[in-house]
Amino acid sequence: MSATKATHRVWRLGADIDTDLLAPGHAMKHGIDIIAQHCLEAIRPDFARGVQRGDVLVAGPNFGIGSSREQAAAVLVHLGVTAVIAPSYSGLYFRNAFNVGLLLLTCAEAETLSEGEQIALDTTAPEIVAPGRKRLACEPVPGFLMDMVRAGGLLNQLRQRSGRPAFKKAPDA
């Protein structure tokens, strides 16, 4: 991922989005296909049915608080979310997201983005280019984490290093 002309539709959420909202406990006995159908259903019942590959989530502070369940990040990858943009993340969620190949961009001004806006991501700067050419700076993402995102997660990265095929197709990078 680098500077891109592709645009991404924004799904706007508030602060303190916890892992139970992303991967509800009642669905955890199922596989990722079923868990994903319930992603954010308590606050955005339209999300799992309406999100499209390439869309982004924009949230307030403390995204991913709660349990350490990796499925809370994996469901977003499964649904095709390109990135989550927020001012801050839970430490456990941050690590889990990159492990499954989900890009997290830490942006102090994330909450200035609006529902449905079309934005571009420049991960080399890193910054978000919003309508009207407004540019929002993001904190740098270390290269080794970007490599994980490009590979489609840590396990795919390790498989590629050993010469074995990836488990799933890596996201467009």
N, C-alpha and C. Protein backbone atom coordinates (compact mmCIF):
# COMPACT_ATOMS: atom_id res chain seq x y z
N MET A 1 0.84 -1.18 0.00
CA MET A 1 0.00 0.00 0.00
C MET A 1 0.88 1.23 0.00
N SER A 2 0.51 2.17 -0.76
CA SER A 2 1.23 3.45 -0.78
C SER A 2 0.24 4.51 -1.21
N ALA A 3 0.73 5.55 -1.83
CA ALA A 3 -0.19 6.57 -2.36
C ALA A 3 -1.11 5.88 -3.35
N THR A 4 -2.36 6.20 -3.29
CA THR A 4 -3.32 5.50 -4.14
C THR A 4 -4.34 6.47 -4.69
N LYS A 5 -4.83 6.15 -5.86
CA LYS A 5 -5.92 6.92 -6.43
C LYS A 5 -7.25 6.31 -6.05
N ALA A 6 -7.23 5.09 -5.53
CA ALA A 6 -8.45 4.42 -5.12
C ALA A 6 -9.09 5.19 -3.96
N THR A 7 -10.39 5.24 -3.96
CA THR A 7 -11.08 5.86 -2.84
C THR A 7 -11.80 4.79 -2.03
N HIS A 8 -12.03 5.12 -0.79
CA HIS A 8 -12.61 4.19 0.16
C HIS A 8 -13.77 4.87 0.87
N ARG A 9 -14.90 4.20 0.93
CA ARG A 9 -16.08 4.76 1.61
C ARG A 9 -15.92 4.63 3.12
N VAL A 10 -16.27 5.69 3.82
CA VAL A 10 -16.16 5.75 5.28
C VAL A 10 -17.44 5.23 5.94
N TRP A 11 -17.25 4.34 6.91
CA TRP A 11 -18.30 3.93 7.85
C TRP A 11 -17.89 4.56 9.18
N ARG A 12 -18.70 5.43 9.71
CA ARG A 12 -18.35 6.21 10.91
C ARG A 12 -18.91 5.55 12.16
N LEU A 13 -18.06 5.41 13.16
CA LEU A 13 -18.43 4.86 14.46
C LEU A 13 -17.99 5.84 15.54
N GLY A 14 -18.46 5.64 16.75
CA GLY A 14 -18.08 6.49 17.86
C GLY A 14 -16.84 5.98 18.58
N ALA A 15 -16.69 6.42 19.80
CA ALA A 15 -15.55 6.04 20.64
C ALA A 15 -15.85 4.73 21.37
N ASP A 16 -14.79 4.13 21.88
CA ASP A 16 -14.89 2.96 22.76
C ASP A 16 -15.59 1.77 22.11
N ILE A 17 -15.30 1.51 20.85
CA ILE A 17 -15.86 0.34 20.17
C ILE A 17 -15.12 -0.88 20.71
N ASP A 18 -15.87 -1.76 21.38
CA ASP A 18 -15.22 -2.90 22.02
C ASP A 18 -15.29 -4.16 21.15
N THR A 19 -14.50 -5.14 21.54
CA THR A 19 -14.39 -6.36 20.75
C THR A 19 -15.70 -7.14 20.73
N ASP A 20 -16.55 -6.97 21.73
CA ASP A 20 -17.83 -7.67 21.72
C ASP A 20 -18.78 -7.09 20.67
N LEU A 21 -18.62 -5.82 20.33
CA LEU A 21 -19.41 -5.24 19.25
C LEU A 21 -18.93 -5.77 17.89
N LEU A 22 -17.63 -5.97 17.77
CA LEU A 22 -17.05 -6.45 16.51
C LEU A 22 -17.26 -7.94 16.30
N ALA A 23 -17.09 -8.72 17.34
CA ALA A 23 -17.26 -10.17 17.30
C ALA A 23 -18.06 -10.58 18.52
N PRO A 24 -19.40 -10.49 18.43
CA PRO A 24 -20.25 -10.73 19.60
C PRO A 24 -20.06 -12.12 20.21
N GLY A 25 -20.08 -12.15 21.53
CA GLY A 25 -19.88 -13.40 22.26
C GLY A 25 -20.82 -14.51 21.83
N HIS A 26 -22.08 -14.17 21.54
CA HIS A 26 -23.05 -15.20 21.18
C HIS A 26 -22.69 -15.90 19.87
N ALA A 27 -21.87 -15.28 19.03
CA ALA A 27 -21.50 -15.87 17.74
C ALA A 27 -20.15 -16.59 17.78
N MET A 28 -19.45 -16.50 18.90
CA MET A 28 -18.08 -17.01 18.96
C MET A 28 -17.98 -18.53 18.84
N LYS A 29 -19.07 -19.24 18.99
CA LYS A 29 -19.00 -20.70 18.83
C LYS A 29 -18.97 -21.10 17.36
N HIS A 30 -19.14 -20.14 16.47
CA HIS A 30 -19.18 -20.38 15.02
C HIS A 30 -17.85 -19.98 14.37
N GLY A 31 -17.74 -20.26 13.11
CA GLY A 31 -16.58 -19.84 12.33
C GLY A 31 -16.68 -18.38 11.94
N ILE A 32 -15.62 -17.89 11.31
CA ILE A 32 -15.53 -16.48 10.97
C ILE A 32 -16.64 -16.03 10.02
N ASP A 33 -17.13 -16.91 9.15
CA ASP A 33 -18.22 -16.55 8.23
C ASP A 33 -19.46 -16.11 9.00
N ILE A 34 -19.80 -16.85 10.04
CA ILE A 34 -21.00 -16.54 10.84
C ILE A 34 -20.72 -15.35 11.76
N ILE A 35 -19.57 -15.33 12.40
CA ILE A 35 -19.24 -14.22 13.29
C ILE A 35 -19.32 -12.90 12.52
N ALA A 36 -18.80 -12.89 11.30
CA ALA A 36 -18.80 -11.67 10.48
C ALA A 36 -20.21 -11.17 10.20
N GLN A 37 -21.17 -12.05 10.09
CA GLN A 37 -22.55 -11.63 9.84
C GLN A 37 -23.12 -10.83 11.01
N HIS A 38 -22.49 -10.95 12.18
CA HIS A 38 -22.96 -10.26 13.38
C HIS A 38 -22.09 -9.06 13.77
N CYS A 39 -21.08 -8.77 12.97
CA CYS A 39 -20.17 -7.68 13.27
C CYS A 39 -20.93 -6.35 13.38
N LEU A 40 -20.77 -5.69 14.49
CA LEU A 40 -21.35 -4.37 14.79
C LEU A 40 -22.88 -4.35 14.79
N GLU A 41 -23.54 -5.51 14.83
CA GLU A 41 -25.00 -5.55 14.74
C GLU A 41 -25.69 -4.76 15.85
N ALA A 42 -25.09 -4.64 17.02
CA ALA A 42 -25.73 -3.94 18.13
C ALA A 42 -25.81 -2.43 17.91
N ILE A 43 -24.89 -1.88 17.11
CA ILE A 43 -24.89 -0.43 16.89
C ILE A 43 -25.07 -0.04 15.42
N ARG A 44 -24.76 -0.95 14.51
CA ARG A 44 -24.90 -0.70 13.07
C ARG A 44 -25.45 -1.96 12.41
N PRO A 45 -26.75 -2.23 12.59
CA PRO A 45 -27.31 -3.47 12.03
C PRO A 45 -27.12 -3.60 10.52
N ASP A 46 -26.88 -2.50 9.83
CA ASP A 46 -26.69 -2.49 8.38
C ASP A 46 -25.26 -2.81 7.96
N PHE A 47 -24.33 -2.85 8.90
CA PHE A 47 -22.92 -2.91 8.55
C PHE A 47 -22.52 -4.19 7.81
N ALA A 48 -22.73 -5.34 8.40
CA ALA A 48 -22.24 -6.60 7.80
C ALA A 48 -22.84 -6.84 6.41
N ARG A 49 -24.07 -6.43 6.21
CA ARG A 49 -24.71 -6.62 4.89
C ARG A 49 -24.31 -5.52 3.90
N GLY A 50 -23.94 -4.35 4.40
CA GLY A 50 -23.70 -3.22 3.52
C GLY A 50 -22.25 -2.90 3.23
N VAL A 51 -21.33 -3.34 4.08
CA VAL A 51 -19.92 -3.01 3.87
C VAL A 51 -19.44 -3.68 2.59
N GLN A 52 -18.59 -2.98 1.87
CA GLN A 52 -18.04 -3.51 0.62
C GLN A 52 -16.52 -3.55 0.70
N ARG A 53 -15.94 -4.47 -0.06
CA ARG A 53 -14.48 -4.59 -0.10
C ARG A 53 -13.89 -3.21 -0.42
N GLY A 54 -12.93 -2.79 0.40
CA GLY A 54 -12.30 -1.50 0.19
C GLY A 54 -12.80 -0.40 1.10
N ASP A 55 -13.93 -0.61 1.77
CA ASP A 55 -14.45 0.39 2.69
C ASP A 55 -13.52 0.51 3.90
N VAL A 56 -13.64 1.63 4.63
CA VAL A 56 -12.86 1.84 5.85
C VAL A 56 -13.78 2.17 7.01
N LEU A 57 -13.35 1.81 8.20
CA LEU A 57 -14.04 2.21 9.43
C LEU A 57 -13.29 3.39 10.01
N VAL A 58 -14.04 4.40 10.43
CA VAL A 58 -13.47 5.55 11.12
C VAL A 58 -14.16 5.63 12.48
N ALA A 59 -13.36 5.68 13.53
CA ALA A 59 -13.91 5.63 14.88
C ALA A 59 -13.25 6.66 15.78
N GLY A 60 -13.83 6.79 16.95
CA GLY A 60 -13.25 7.64 17.98
C GLY A 60 -12.17 6.89 18.74
N PRO A 61 -11.71 7.47 19.84
CA PRO A 61 -10.63 6.85 20.62
C PRO A 61 -11.03 5.49 21.21
N ASN A 62 -10.02 4.71 21.53
CA ASN A 62 -10.15 3.43 22.23
C ASN A 62 -10.79 2.34 21.38
N PHE A 63 -10.52 2.31 20.10
CA PHE A 63 -11.08 1.28 19.25
C PHE A 63 -10.48 -0.07 19.65
N GLY A 64 -11.34 -1.08 19.76
CA GLY A 64 -10.90 -2.44 20.04
C GLY A 64 -10.68 -2.76 21.50
N ILE A 65 -11.23 -1.95 22.41
CA ILE A 65 -11.08 -2.26 23.83
C ILE A 65 -11.86 -3.54 24.14
N GLY A 66 -11.52 -4.16 25.25
CA GLY A 66 -12.24 -5.36 25.66
C GLY A 66 -11.35 -6.57 25.66
N SER A 67 -11.91 -7.68 25.20
CA SER A 67 -11.20 -8.96 25.26
C SER A 67 -10.09 -9.03 24.22
N SER A 68 -9.32 -10.10 24.29
CA SER A 68 -8.21 -10.28 23.36
C SER A 68 -8.60 -11.10 22.13
N ARG A 69 -9.90 -11.31 21.91
CA ARG A 69 -10.31 -12.19 20.80
C ARG A 69 -9.84 -11.67 19.44
N GLU A 70 -9.05 -12.49 18.79
CA GLU A 70 -8.50 -12.14 17.48
C GLU A 70 -9.61 -12.00 16.42
N GLN A 71 -10.73 -12.67 16.62
CA GLN A 71 -11.83 -12.61 15.66
C GLN A 71 -12.36 -11.20 15.48
N ALA A 72 -12.17 -10.34 16.48
CA ALA A 72 -12.66 -8.96 16.39
C ALA A 72 -11.94 -8.19 15.29
N ALA A 73 -10.73 -8.56 14.98
CA ALA A 73 -10.01 -7.98 13.84
C ALA A 73 -10.24 -8.80 12.58
N ALA A 74 -10.26 -10.12 12.74
CA ALA A 74 -10.41 -11.02 11.58
C ALA A 74 -11.74 -10.80 10.86
N VAL A 75 -12.81 -10.45 11.59
CA VAL A 75 -14.10 -10.24 10.90
C VAL A 75 -14.01 -9.07 9.94
N LEU A 76 -13.28 -8.04 10.29
CA LEU A 76 -13.16 -6.88 9.40
C LEU A 76 -12.39 -7.24 8.14
N VAL A 77 -11.34 -8.05 8.28
CA VAL A 77 -10.61 -8.54 7.11
C VAL A 77 -11.55 -9.39 6.26
N HIS A 78 -12.28 -10.29 6.91
CA HIS A 78 -13.21 -11.17 6.20
C HIS A 78 -14.25 -10.38 5.42
N LEU A 79 -14.71 -9.27 5.99
CA LEU A 79 -15.73 -8.44 5.34
C LEU A 79 -15.13 -7.51 4.27
N GLY A 80 -13.80 -7.45 4.17
CA GLY A 80 -13.16 -6.65 3.12
C GLY A 80 -12.80 -5.24 3.52
N VAL A 81 -12.83 -4.93 4.82
CA VAL A 81 -12.47 -3.59 5.27
C VAL A 81 -10.97 -3.38 5.00
N THR A 82 -10.64 -2.27 4.36
CA THR A 82 -9.25 -1.96 4.01
C THR A 82 -8.46 -1.46 5.21
N ALA A 83 -9.09 -0.65 6.05
CA ALA A 83 -8.37 -0.06 7.18
C ALA A 83 -9.35 0.43 8.23
N VAL A 84 -8.84 0.58 9.44
CA VAL A 84 -9.55 1.26 10.51
C VAL A 84 -8.73 2.51 10.81
N ILE A 85 -9.43 3.63 10.95
CA ILE A 85 -8.78 4.90 11.23
C ILE A 85 -9.37 5.44 12.53
N ALA A 86 -8.52 5.67 13.52
CA ALA A 86 -8.99 6.14 14.83
C ALA A 86 -7.85 6.88 15.53
N PRO A 87 -8.18 7.68 16.55
CA PRO A 87 -7.13 8.38 17.30
C PRO A 87 -6.31 7.45 18.19
N SER A 88 -6.91 6.32 18.64
CA SER A 88 -6.19 5.39 19.51
C SER A 88 -6.86 4.03 19.49
N TYR A 89 -6.08 3.02 19.86
CA TYR A 89 -6.52 1.62 19.84
C TYR A 89 -6.12 0.93 21.14
N SER A 90 -6.83 -0.12 21.47
CA SER A 90 -6.38 -1.01 22.53
C SER A 90 -5.08 -1.67 22.07
N GLY A 91 -4.14 -1.85 22.97
CA GLY A 91 -2.87 -2.49 22.61
C GLY A 91 -3.05 -3.89 22.06
N LEU A 92 -3.92 -4.69 22.70
CA LEU A 92 -4.17 -6.05 22.22
C LEU A 92 -4.81 -6.04 20.84
N TYR A 93 -5.77 -5.15 20.62
CA TYR A 93 -6.42 -5.08 19.32
C TYR A 93 -5.41 -4.66 18.26
N PHE A 94 -4.57 -3.70 18.58
CA PHE A 94 -3.56 -3.23 17.64
C PHE A 94 -2.71 -4.39 17.14
N ARG A 95 -2.23 -5.19 18.06
CA ARG A 95 -1.38 -6.33 17.68
C ARG A 95 -2.17 -7.37 16.88
N ASN A 96 -3.36 -7.71 17.35
CA ASN A 96 -4.18 -8.70 16.64
C ASN A 96 -4.50 -8.25 15.22
N ALA A 97 -4.80 -6.96 15.04
CA ALA A 97 -5.17 -6.45 13.72
C ALA A 97 -4.03 -6.68 12.72
N PHE A 98 -2.84 -6.29 13.07
CA PHE A 98 -1.73 -6.48 12.14
C PHE A 98 -1.42 -7.96 11.93
N ASN A 99 -1.59 -8.76 12.98
CA ASN A 99 -1.36 -10.20 12.85
C ASN A 99 -2.28 -10.84 11.80
N VAL A 100 -3.49 -10.30 11.63
CA VAL A 100 -4.43 -10.85 10.64
C VAL A 100 -4.45 -10.03 9.36
N GLY A 101 -3.57 -9.04 9.25
CA GLY A 101 -3.45 -8.27 8.01
C GLY A 101 -4.36 -7.07 7.89
N LEU A 102 -4.88 -6.57 9.02
CA LEU A 102 -5.76 -5.40 9.00
C LEU A 102 -4.93 -4.15 9.30
N LEU A 103 -4.99 -3.19 8.40
CA LEU A 103 -4.27 -1.93 8.58
C LEU A 103 -5.00 -1.03 9.56
N LEU A 104 -4.28 -0.55 10.57
CA LEU A 104 -4.80 0.45 11.50
C LEU A 104 -4.00 1.72 11.30
N LEU A 105 -4.70 2.81 11.08
CA LEU A 105 -4.06 4.12 10.96
C LEU A 105 -4.46 4.96 12.16
N THR A 106 -3.47 5.44 12.88
CA THR A 106 -3.72 6.27 14.05
C THR A 106 -3.69 7.72 13.60
N CYS A 107 -4.84 8.37 13.72
CA CYS A 107 -5.00 9.72 13.20
C CYS A 107 -5.75 10.56 14.23
N ALA A 108 -5.09 11.57 14.76
CA ALA A 108 -5.69 12.43 15.78
C ALA A 108 -6.97 13.10 15.28
N GLU A 109 -7.05 13.37 13.97
CA GLU A 109 -8.21 14.06 13.41
C GLU A 109 -9.23 13.11 12.75
N ALA A 110 -9.17 11.84 13.07
CA ALA A 110 -10.06 10.86 12.45
C ALA A 110 -11.52 11.26 12.55
N GLU A 111 -11.90 11.82 13.67
CA GLU A 111 -13.32 12.13 13.90
C GLU A 111 -13.83 13.29 13.05
N THR A 112 -12.95 13.92 12.26
CA THR A 112 -13.42 14.96 11.34
C THR A 112 -13.96 14.37 10.04
N LEU A 113 -13.72 13.07 9.83
CA LEU A 113 -14.24 12.39 8.64
C LEU A 113 -15.70 12.02 8.85
N SER A 114 -16.47 12.05 7.78
CA SER A 114 -17.92 11.85 7.88
C SER A 114 -18.36 10.54 7.24
N GLU A 115 -19.47 10.04 7.71
CA GLU A 115 -20.12 8.85 7.15
C GLU A 115 -20.30 9.02 5.64
N GLY A 116 -19.90 8.00 4.89
CA GLY A 116 -20.12 7.99 3.45
C GLY A 116 -19.09 8.76 2.63
N GLU A 117 -18.22 9.51 3.28
CA GLU A 117 -17.18 10.26 2.57
C GLU A 117 -16.29 9.29 1.79
N GLN A 118 -15.78 9.72 0.68
CA GLN A 118 -14.82 8.95 -0.11
C GLN A 118 -13.43 9.51 0.17
N ILE A 119 -12.55 8.68 0.70
CA ILE A 119 -11.20 9.14 1.05
C ILE A 119 -10.16 8.28 0.35
N ALA A 120 -8.96 8.82 0.23
CA ALA A 120 -7.82 8.06 -0.28
C ALA A 120 -6.82 7.90 0.86
N LEU A 121 -6.08 6.81 0.84
CA LEU A 121 -5.06 6.54 1.86
C LEU A 121 -3.68 6.61 1.22
N ASP A 122 -2.79 7.30 1.87
CA ASP A 122 -1.39 7.33 1.45
C ASP A 122 -0.60 6.79 2.63
N THR A 123 -0.19 5.53 2.55
CA THR A 123 0.51 4.92 3.68
C THR A 123 2.00 5.25 3.69
N THR A 124 2.50 5.89 2.63
CA THR A 124 3.91 6.29 2.65
C THR A 124 4.10 7.57 3.45
N ALA A 125 3.11 8.45 3.47
CA ALA A 125 3.24 9.73 4.17
C ALA A 125 3.24 9.58 5.69
N PRO A 126 2.46 8.87 6.38
CA PRO A 126 1.12 8.42 6.02
C PRO A 126 0.10 9.53 6.27
N GLU A 127 -0.91 9.53 5.41
CA GLU A 127 -1.97 10.52 5.56
C GLU A 127 -3.23 10.04 4.85
N ILE A 128 -4.31 10.73 5.19
CA ILE A 128 -5.61 10.48 4.58
C ILE A 128 -5.93 11.71 3.74
N VAL A 129 -6.35 11.47 2.52
CA VAL A 129 -6.75 12.57 1.65
C VAL A 129 -8.27 12.53 1.56
N ALA A 130 -8.88 13.57 2.11
CA ALA A 130 -10.34 13.66 2.17
C ALA A 130 -10.84 14.59 1.07
N PRO A 131 -12.16 14.62 0.85
CA PRO A 131 -12.71 15.50 -0.18
C PRO A 131 -12.23 16.94 0.02
N GLY A 132 -12.08 17.65 -1.08
CA GLY A 132 -11.57 19.02 -1.01
C GLY A 132 -10.07 19.04 -0.80
N ARG A 133 -9.42 17.86 -0.96
CA ARG A 133 -7.97 17.71 -0.81
C ARG A 133 -7.48 18.00 0.61
N LYS A 134 -8.38 17.93 1.59
CA LYS A 134 -7.96 18.06 2.99
C LYS A 134 -7.09 16.85 3.32
N ARG A 135 -5.94 17.08 3.93
CA ARG A 135 -5.01 16.00 4.28
C ARG A 135 -4.92 15.88 5.79
N LEU A 136 -5.11 14.67 6.26
CA LEU A 136 -5.02 14.40 7.69
C LEU A 136 -3.81 13.52 7.94
N ALA A 137 -2.90 14.00 8.77
CA ALA A 137 -1.68 13.25 9.07
C ALA A 137 -2.00 12.07 9.99
N CYS A 138 -1.31 10.98 9.79
CA CYS A 138 -1.42 9.79 10.63
C CYS A 138 -0.05 9.49 11.22
N GLU A 139 -0.04 8.74 12.31
CA GLU A 139 1.24 8.31 12.88
C GLU A 139 1.88 7.29 11.94
N PRO A 140 3.20 7.30 11.83
CA PRO A 140 3.88 6.34 10.95
C PRO A 140 3.58 4.90 11.38
N VAL A 141 3.47 4.02 10.40
CA VAL A 141 3.30 2.59 10.65
C VAL A 141 4.65 1.94 10.35
N PRO A 142 5.23 1.24 11.33
CA PRO A 142 6.54 0.62 11.09
C PRO A 142 6.50 -0.31 9.87
N GLY A 143 7.60 -0.36 9.15
CA GLY A 143 7.70 -1.17 7.94
C GLY A 143 7.35 -2.63 8.15
N PHE A 144 7.79 -3.22 9.28
CA PHE A 144 7.51 -4.63 9.49
C PHE A 144 6.01 -4.89 9.66
N LEU A 145 5.25 -3.90 10.17
CA LEU A 145 3.80 -4.06 10.27
C LEU A 145 3.15 -3.89 8.90
N MET A 146 3.63 -2.96 8.09
CA MET A 146 3.11 -2.82 6.73
C MET A 146 3.39 -4.07 5.92
N ASP A 147 4.54 -4.70 6.14
CA ASP A 147 4.85 -5.95 5.45
C ASP A 147 3.82 -7.03 5.82
N MET A 148 3.41 -7.06 7.08
CA MET A 148 2.39 -8.03 7.51
C MET A 148 1.07 -7.77 6.81
N VAL A 149 0.68 -6.49 6.72
CA VAL A 149 -0.57 -6.14 6.04
C VAL A 149 -0.51 -6.58 4.58
N ARG A 150 0.58 -6.27 3.91
CA ARG A 150 0.73 -6.63 2.49
C ARG A 150 0.67 -8.14 2.28
N ALA A 151 1.19 -8.90 3.24
CA ALA A 151 1.20 -10.37 3.13
C ALA A 151 -0.16 -10.98 3.45
N GLY A 152 -1.04 -10.19 4.08
CA GLY A 152 -2.32 -10.75 4.51
C GLY A 152 -2.27 -11.31 5.91
N GLY A 153 -1.30 -10.86 6.71
CA GLY A 153 -1.20 -11.27 8.10
C GLY A 153 0.11 -12.01 8.38
N LEU A 154 0.37 -12.20 9.66
CA LEU A 154 1.62 -12.82 10.11
C LEU A 154 1.77 -14.25 9.60
N LEU A 155 0.73 -15.07 9.70
CA LEU A 155 0.86 -16.46 9.25
C LEU A 155 1.15 -16.53 7.76
N ASN A 156 0.49 -15.70 6.97
CA ASN A 156 0.78 -15.69 5.53
C ASN A 156 2.21 -15.22 5.27
N GLN A 157 2.66 -14.25 6.03
CA GLN A 157 4.02 -13.76 5.87
C GLN A 157 5.03 -14.87 6.16
N LEU A 158 4.81 -15.61 7.22
CA LEU A 158 5.71 -16.72 7.57
C LEU A 158 5.66 -17.82 6.52
N ARG A 159 4.46 -18.12 6.00
CA ARG A 159 4.33 -19.13 4.95
C ARG A 159 5.08 -18.69 3.70
N GLN A 160 4.95 -17.42 3.34
CA GLN A 160 5.65 -16.91 2.15
C GLN A 160 7.17 -17.00 2.33
N ARG A 161 7.64 -16.68 3.52
CA ARG A 161 9.09 -16.75 3.78
C ARG A 161 9.62 -18.18 3.66
N SER A 162 8.75 -19.14 3.99
CA SER A 162 9.19 -20.54 3.92
C SER A 162 8.92 -21.15 2.55
N GLY A 163 8.41 -20.33 1.62
CA GLY A 163 8.16 -20.82 0.27
C GLY A 163 6.84 -21.55 0.09
N ARG A 164 5.99 -21.48 1.09
CA ARG A 164 4.68 -22.13 0.99
C ARG A 164 3.62 -21.10 0.61
N PRO A 165 2.56 -21.54 -0.03
CA PRO A 165 1.51 -20.57 -0.42
C PRO A 165 0.77 -20.01 0.78
N ALA A 166 0.25 -18.81 0.61
CA ALA A 166 -0.52 -18.14 1.65
C ALA A 166 -1.83 -18.88 1.88
N PHE A 167 -2.40 -18.71 3.08
CA PHE A 167 -3.70 -19.29 3.41
C PHE A 167 -4.82 -18.63 2.62
N LYS A 168 -4.70 -17.34 2.45
CA LYS A 168 -5.73 -16.57 1.74
C LYS A 168 -5.03 -15.52 0.91
N LYS A 169 -5.76 -14.96 -0.01
CA LYS A 169 -5.19 -13.90 -0.84
C LYS A 169 -4.91 -12.69 0.03
N ALA A 170 -3.72 -12.15 -0.11
CA ALA A 170 -3.37 -10.92 0.60
C ALA A 170 -4.17 -9.76 0.02
N PRO A 171 -4.51 -8.75 0.84
CA PRO A 171 -5.23 -7.59 0.32
C PRO A 171 -4.38 -6.85 -0.71
N ASP A 172 -5.05 -6.08 -1.55
CA ASP A 172 -4.32 -5.29 -2.54
C ASP A 172 -3.32 -4.41 -1.82
N ALA A 173 -2.11 -4.47 -2.26
CA ALA A 173 -1.07 -3.70 -1.58
C ALA A 173 -0.21 -2.94 -2.55
